[in-house]
């Protein structure tokens, strides 16, 4: 007699609690799933940008940078180094000093266009790897765009989004499928939460010298996992990733932050992860295996060629001018090899000399990438171009 009534109460309870649960966890809609791989996103416009805007520093030689002195400063100017850390000559940089208004607009158009592209279709129409590439590229585009708008700035973490009275990584800067997201939401509540491979740590560029390097090409759904492994190998074998100070092992703060997601069995899970990428020198440091590895001092300075210089050089001093049209299909004009040296501080010139020396000493190597090929019997996925709405183009790429 009472069973039907109990059933009714159960159904009503489910109806009342389900919306509340979705409201309490807005990120659950981004759990990676794929009903069918119907679409792919063409990230070529982002590769066009990164191939010109990224200054490749080269793999770390594990030689700490000396504390800068007066020799690193331009006499008669206010230019001085923005970082004094031992890691300031490591990791690829973005050449923010060359950006003009057109470049800033280009990045803004891609950033908005990427959101518009995802919002046009169902999230499940992309494969897991396509979804991952989307989040990594969106995160990096937002960071680069916001630093470009605030440049010159010594630290990305100091950028304040005025209309929200929030710092860069906490402000809600994007909206995907009706959910407003911050950079920290993308990192922790989506990427770290839903992708259980620890390699994703190496795909999110914070714009800081202490973080992972920025790759000179966009992440693509077909190659994202190989790209992450390649970037991971660079980071682990740099002083930023694993260091030895006064005979003791030091690790990046990034691993401490990712501990709840990927290294629950601390520190054994961490050592297993690092060992996958370590070369002989790094492996000797990992062999120390302290029971409680301590983080090294994380360099928060902006990862540009000036190491976060807060005084912008005059336009006449910049021999290199990056130009890009608002049309995302237009290629970047080629930067001259000597252009970077115009109007730069002595610290930036030291970075250039250090990088050139590394590249000259580099020996030939073979890198095998696991490239996923299409199943000839499976239906072909439609490629979506990243193009913003007309309204966005009229607003010159502002989010």
Foldseek 3Di string as FASTA:
>chain_A
DCVVVVVVVVVVVCVVVVVVVCVVQVLVLQQFAAPEQFEWADQVLVLLLLLAFKDDLFFAPQFFDAFDDPLQFDPPDPWDFLDRGRLLLDFIFGALLQADLQSLLQLLFLLQLLQVLQQVDRSNNRHPLRSLLSLLQNLQSLLVNQPSVVPLFFFQQPDADVVVRHGQQPDQDDAHNRDGDGSVCSVVVRCLVNDLDPLSLQRHDNQFSLGFHDDSGGQTSQFNVLVSLVSVLRQLAYCSAWNADPNAIAGHVSCVVSCVRHPVVPPVRVLVVSVVRDDPVSVVNSVVVDRDHHHDDGTRTGRHLSRSTRDRFDPVQQQWHWHDHSPSVDGIDHTDPCRVVGRHTSSSVVSVVSSVVNVVPDDDDDDDGDGDDDDPPGDDHHYDYRGHDPVCVVVSSDD
